[in-house]
């Protein structure tokens, strides 16, 4: 991935130099060529190609945080780590007599 970006930036630099040194070329045209043909497409490409790596890093971080939280709960010895007993999920039902 980086090799293609480096090669493309080399081509763009050569295009910019040719633009600046051409008889009817300008330095402003060279700068525009460099940014519009080189920097902008490479930034977009690197961002899109890096998306899977960012997702994996986020998932790994979340997994590590979850494991750390589970370890803290297991070390405390109490399911809710509070001073009161946890309440039942289902409330008691009274029977009418």
N, C-alpha and C. Protein backbone atom coordinates (compact mmCIF):
# COMPACT_ATOMS: atom_id res chain seq x y z
N UNK A 1 0.83 -1.19 0.00
CA UNK A 1 0.00 0.00 0.00
C UNK A 1 0.88 1.25 0.00
N UNK A 2 1.88 1.28 0.84
CA UNK A 2 2.74 2.45 0.91
C UNK A 2 3.63 2.57 -0.31
N UNK A 3 4.01 1.44 -0.89
CA UNK A 3 4.87 1.46 -2.07
C UNK A 3 4.16 2.14 -3.24
N UNK A 4 2.88 1.86 -3.41
CA UNK A 4 2.11 2.49 -4.49
C UNK A 4 1.99 3.98 -4.24
N UNK A 5 1.74 4.38 -2.99
CA UNK A 5 1.63 5.80 -2.67
C UNK A 5 2.95 6.53 -2.90
N UNK A 6 4.05 5.92 -2.51
CA UNK A 6 5.37 6.54 -2.73
C UNK A 6 5.66 6.68 -4.22
N UNK A 7 5.36 5.63 -4.98
CA UNK A 7 5.60 5.68 -6.43
C UNK A 7 4.72 6.76 -7.08
N UNK A 8 3.45 6.84 -6.67
CA UNK A 8 2.57 7.86 -7.25
C UNK A 8 3.05 9.26 -6.89
N UNK A 9 3.50 9.47 -5.66
CA UNK A 9 4.00 10.79 -5.27
C UNK A 9 5.25 11.15 -6.07
N UNK A 10 6.07 10.16 -6.39
CA UNK A 10 7.24 10.43 -7.24
C UNK A 10 6.80 10.91 -8.62
N UNK A 11 5.81 10.25 -9.19
CA UNK A 11 5.29 10.65 -10.50
C UNK A 11 4.73 12.07 -10.43
N UNK A 12 4.00 12.38 -9.37
CA UNK A 12 3.39 13.69 -9.24
C UNK A 12 4.46 14.77 -9.05
N UNK A 13 5.49 14.48 -8.31
CA UNK A 13 6.58 15.45 -8.15
C UNK A 13 7.24 15.72 -9.50
N UNK A 14 7.45 14.68 -10.28
CA UNK A 14 8.04 14.87 -11.61
C UNK A 14 7.10 15.69 -12.51
N UNK A 15 5.78 15.45 -12.40
CA UNK A 15 4.83 16.26 -13.16
C UNK A 15 4.88 17.72 -12.73
N UNK A 16 5.00 17.94 -11.43
CA UNK A 16 5.06 19.32 -10.92
C UNK A 16 6.34 20.02 -11.36
N UNK A 17 7.45 19.32 -11.36
CA UNK A 17 8.71 19.91 -11.82
C UNK A 17 8.62 20.24 -13.30
N UNK A 18 8.02 19.34 -14.08
CA UNK A 18 7.86 19.60 -15.51
C UNK A 18 6.95 20.80 -15.74
N UNK A 19 5.91 20.93 -14.93
CA UNK A 19 5.01 22.08 -15.04
C UNK A 19 5.73 23.38 -14.71
N UNK A 20 6.56 23.36 -13.68
CA UNK A 20 7.24 24.59 -13.25
C UNK A 20 8.33 25.00 -14.24
N UNK A 21 8.97 24.03 -14.87
CA UNK A 21 10.09 24.36 -15.77
C UNK A 21 9.69 24.49 -17.23
N UNK A 22 8.45 24.23 -17.55
CA UNK A 22 7.99 24.35 -18.93
C UNK A 22 8.00 25.83 -19.34
N UNK A 23 8.19 26.13 -20.61
CA UNK A 23 8.24 27.53 -21.06
C UNK A 23 6.96 28.31 -20.75
N UNK A 24 5.82 27.67 -20.84
CA UNK A 24 4.59 28.39 -20.53
C UNK A 24 3.96 27.90 -19.22
N UNK A 25 4.73 27.19 -18.40
CA UNK A 25 4.25 26.70 -17.11
C UNK A 25 4.50 27.71 -16.01
N UNK A 26 3.80 27.54 -14.90
CA UNK A 26 3.96 28.45 -13.76
C UNK A 26 4.18 27.64 -12.49
N UNK A 27 4.71 28.34 -11.50
CA UNK A 27 4.92 27.70 -10.21
C UNK A 27 3.57 27.43 -9.54
N UNK A 28 2.62 28.34 -9.72
CA UNK A 28 1.28 28.13 -9.17
C UNK A 28 0.64 26.88 -9.79
N UNK A 29 0.79 26.70 -11.07
CA UNK A 29 0.28 25.50 -11.73
C UNK A 29 0.96 24.24 -11.20
N UNK A 30 2.23 24.37 -10.90
CA UNK A 30 2.98 23.24 -10.33
C UNK A 30 2.44 22.87 -8.95
N UNK A 31 2.15 23.89 -8.13
CA UNK A 31 1.62 23.64 -6.78
C UNK A 31 0.23 23.02 -6.86
N UNK A 32 -0.60 23.54 -7.76
CA UNK A 32 -1.95 22.99 -7.94
C UNK A 32 -1.86 21.54 -8.42
N UNK A 33 -0.98 21.27 -9.35
CA UNK A 33 -0.79 19.91 -9.83
C UNK A 33 -0.38 18.99 -8.70
N UNK A 34 0.56 19.43 -7.89
CA UNK A 34 1.04 18.59 -6.79
C UNK A 34 -0.09 18.27 -5.81
N UNK A 35 -0.87 19.25 -5.43
CA UNK A 35 -1.92 18.99 -4.44
C UNK A 35 -3.12 18.25 -5.02
N UNK A 36 -3.55 18.60 -6.22
CA UNK A 36 -4.75 17.98 -6.77
C UNK A 36 -4.48 16.59 -7.36
N UNK A 37 -3.29 16.36 -7.92
CA UNK A 37 -2.98 15.04 -8.47
C UNK A 37 -2.25 14.15 -7.48
N UNK A 38 -1.62 14.73 -6.48
CA UNK A 38 -0.80 13.93 -5.58
C UNK A 38 -1.32 13.82 -4.17
N UNK A 39 -1.36 14.94 -3.47
CA UNK A 39 -1.65 14.90 -2.04
C UNK A 39 -3.10 14.48 -1.78
N UNK A 40 -4.05 15.10 -2.44
CA UNK A 40 -5.46 14.82 -2.19
C UNK A 40 -5.82 13.36 -2.49
N UNK A 41 -5.48 12.81 -3.66
CA UNK A 41 -5.81 11.40 -3.90
C UNK A 41 -5.10 10.44 -2.94
N UNK A 42 -3.85 10.74 -2.58
CA UNK A 42 -3.14 9.86 -1.65
C UNK A 42 -3.76 9.89 -0.25
N UNK A 43 -4.18 11.05 0.19
CA UNK A 43 -4.82 11.14 1.51
C UNK A 43 -6.12 10.34 1.51
N UNK A 44 -6.91 10.48 0.47
CA UNK A 44 -8.17 9.73 0.39
C UNK A 44 -7.90 8.23 0.32
N UNK A 45 -6.95 7.83 -0.48
CA UNK A 45 -6.61 6.42 -0.63
C UNK A 45 -6.11 5.83 0.68
N UNK A 46 -5.22 6.52 1.36
CA UNK A 46 -4.69 6.01 2.62
C UNK A 46 -5.78 5.91 3.68
N UNK A 47 -6.69 6.87 3.69
CA UNK A 47 -7.79 6.82 4.66
C UNK A 47 -8.68 5.62 4.40
N UNK A 48 -9.04 5.40 3.13
CA UNK A 48 -9.91 4.27 2.81
C UNK A 48 -9.22 2.93 3.03
N UNK A 49 -7.96 2.85 2.69
CA UNK A 49 -7.23 1.59 2.87
C UNK A 49 -6.93 1.30 4.34
N UNK A 50 -6.91 2.33 5.18
CA UNK A 50 -6.63 2.13 6.59
C UNK A 50 -7.85 1.84 7.43
N UNK A 51 -9.05 1.86 6.84
CA UNK A 51 -10.28 1.64 7.59
C UNK A 51 -10.32 0.28 8.27
N UNK A 52 -9.99 -0.83 7.62
CA UNK A 52 -10.01 -2.12 8.32
C UNK A 52 -9.06 -2.17 9.51
N UNK A 53 -7.89 -1.54 9.39
CA UNK A 53 -6.95 -1.54 10.51
C UNK A 53 -7.50 -0.74 11.68
N UNK A 54 -8.16 0.38 11.40
CA UNK A 54 -8.76 1.17 12.48
C UNK A 54 -9.87 0.40 13.16
N UNK A 55 -10.68 -0.31 12.39
CA UNK A 55 -11.76 -1.11 12.98
C UNK A 55 -11.21 -2.20 13.87
N UNK A 56 -10.17 -2.88 13.42
CA UNK A 56 -9.56 -3.93 14.25
C UNK A 56 -8.99 -3.36 15.53
N UNK A 57 -8.38 -2.19 15.45
CA UNK A 57 -7.82 -1.56 16.65
C UNK A 57 -8.92 -1.18 17.64
N UNK A 58 -10.04 -0.66 17.14
CA UNK A 58 -11.15 -0.29 18.01
C UNK A 58 -11.73 -1.53 18.68
N UNK A 59 -11.92 -2.60 17.90
CA UNK A 59 -12.45 -3.84 18.48
C UNK A 59 -11.51 -4.43 19.51
N UNK A 60 -10.22 -4.39 19.25
CA UNK A 60 -9.25 -4.92 20.22
C UNK A 60 -9.26 -4.09 21.51
N UNK A 61 -9.39 -2.77 21.37
CA UNK A 61 -9.44 -1.91 22.54
C UNK A 61 -10.70 -2.19 23.36
N UNK A 62 -11.85 -2.33 22.68
CA UNK A 62 -13.09 -2.63 23.38
C UNK A 62 -13.02 -3.99 24.07
N UNK A 63 -12.42 -4.97 23.41
CA UNK A 63 -12.29 -6.29 24.01
C UNK A 63 -11.40 -6.24 25.25
N UNK A 64 -10.31 -5.48 25.17
CA UNK A 64 -9.42 -5.35 26.33
C UNK A 64 -10.13 -4.65 27.49
N UNK A 65 -10.93 -3.63 27.19
CA UNK A 65 -11.67 -2.94 28.24
C UNK A 65 -12.70 -3.86 28.88
N UNK A 66 -13.37 -4.69 28.06
CA UNK A 66 -14.35 -5.63 28.58
C UNK A 66 -13.69 -6.67 29.48
N UNK A 67 -12.55 -7.19 29.04
CA UNK A 67 -11.82 -8.16 29.86
C UNK A 67 -11.36 -7.54 31.18
N UNK A 68 -10.93 -6.29 31.13
CA UNK A 68 -10.50 -5.60 32.34
C UNK A 68 -11.68 -5.42 33.29
N UNK A 69 -12.84 -5.06 32.76
CA UNK A 69 -14.04 -4.90 33.57
C UNK A 69 -14.46 -6.22 34.18
N UNK A 70 -14.40 -7.30 33.41
CA UNK A 70 -14.74 -8.63 33.94
C UNK A 70 -13.78 -9.04 35.05
N UNK A 71 -12.51 -8.73 34.88
CA UNK A 71 -11.52 -9.06 35.91
C UNK A 71 -11.78 -8.28 37.19
N UNK A 72 -12.18 -7.02 37.06
CA UNK A 72 -12.49 -6.21 38.24
C UNK A 72 -13.71 -6.75 38.96
N UNK A 73 -14.73 -7.16 38.21
CA UNK A 73 -15.94 -7.71 38.83
C UNK A 73 -15.61 -9.03 39.53
N UNK A 74 -14.81 -9.86 38.90
CA UNK A 74 -14.45 -11.14 39.50
C UNK A 74 -13.60 -10.93 40.76
N UNK A 75 -12.77 -9.92 40.76
CA UNK A 75 -11.91 -9.66 41.92
C UNK A 75 -12.70 -9.09 43.09
N UNK A 76 -13.80 -8.39 42.82
CA UNK A 76 -14.55 -7.77 43.91
C UNK A 76 -15.37 -8.80 44.68
N UNK A 77 -15.75 -9.91 44.04
CA UNK A 77 -16.49 -10.94 44.74
C UNK A 77 -17.98 -10.67 44.79
N UNK A 78 -18.43 -9.55 44.38
CA UNK A 78 -19.85 -9.23 44.38
C UNK A 78 -20.27 -8.97 42.94
N UNK A 79 -21.47 -9.45 42.58
CA UNK A 79 -21.88 -9.27 41.19
C UNK A 79 -22.04 -7.82 40.78
N UNK A 80 -22.52 -6.97 41.68
CA UNK A 80 -22.72 -5.59 41.29
C UNK A 80 -21.73 -4.65 41.97
N UNK A 81 -20.84 -5.19 42.77
CA UNK A 81 -19.79 -4.43 43.46
C UNK A 81 -20.37 -3.33 44.33
N UNK A 82 -21.58 -3.52 44.79
CA UNK A 82 -22.22 -2.54 45.66
C UNK A 82 -22.40 -3.10 47.06
N UNK A 83 -23.01 -2.33 47.93
CA UNK A 83 -23.18 -2.78 49.30
C UNK A 83 -24.51 -3.49 49.52
N UNK A 84 -25.41 -3.41 48.56
CA UNK A 84 -26.71 -4.06 48.69
C UNK A 84 -26.79 -5.26 47.77
N UNK A 85 -27.65 -6.20 48.16
CA UNK A 85 -27.86 -7.39 47.35
C UNK A 85 -28.60 -6.99 46.08
N UNK A 86 -28.31 -7.64 44.98
CA UNK A 86 -29.03 -7.31 43.75
C UNK A 86 -30.50 -7.71 43.85
N UNK A 87 -31.35 -6.92 43.27
CA UNK A 87 -32.78 -7.19 43.30
C UNK A 87 -33.13 -8.24 42.26
N UNK A 88 -34.29 -8.92 42.49
CA UNK A 88 -34.75 -9.91 41.53
C UNK A 88 -35.21 -9.21 40.26
N UNK A 89 -35.02 -9.87 39.15
CA UNK A 89 -35.44 -9.29 37.89
C UNK A 89 -36.96 -9.33 37.75
N UNK A 90 -37.60 -10.36 38.37
CA UNK A 90 -39.04 -10.50 38.31
C UNK A 90 -39.60 -10.23 39.69
N UNK A 91 -40.58 -9.37 39.78
CA UNK A 91 -41.16 -9.04 41.09
C UNK A 91 -42.11 -10.14 41.52
N UNK A 92 -42.31 -10.25 42.83
CA UNK A 92 -43.20 -11.26 43.39
C UNK A 92 -44.64 -10.90 43.04
N UNK A 93 -45.47 -11.96 42.82
CA UNK A 93 -46.86 -11.76 42.48
C UNK A 93 -47.71 -12.27 43.64
N UNK A 94 -48.65 -11.43 44.11
CA UNK A 94 -49.55 -11.84 45.19
C UNK A 94 -50.75 -12.55 44.61
N UNK A 95 -51.17 -13.57 45.31
CA UNK A 95 -52.37 -14.28 44.90
C UNK A 95 -53.54 -13.74 45.68
N UNK A 96 -54.65 -13.50 45.02
CA UNK A 96 -55.86 -13.05 45.68
C UNK A 96 -56.56 -14.24 46.29
N UNK A 97 -57.06 -14.08 47.53
CA UNK A 97 -57.76 -15.19 48.20
C UNK A 97 -59.25 -14.92 48.23
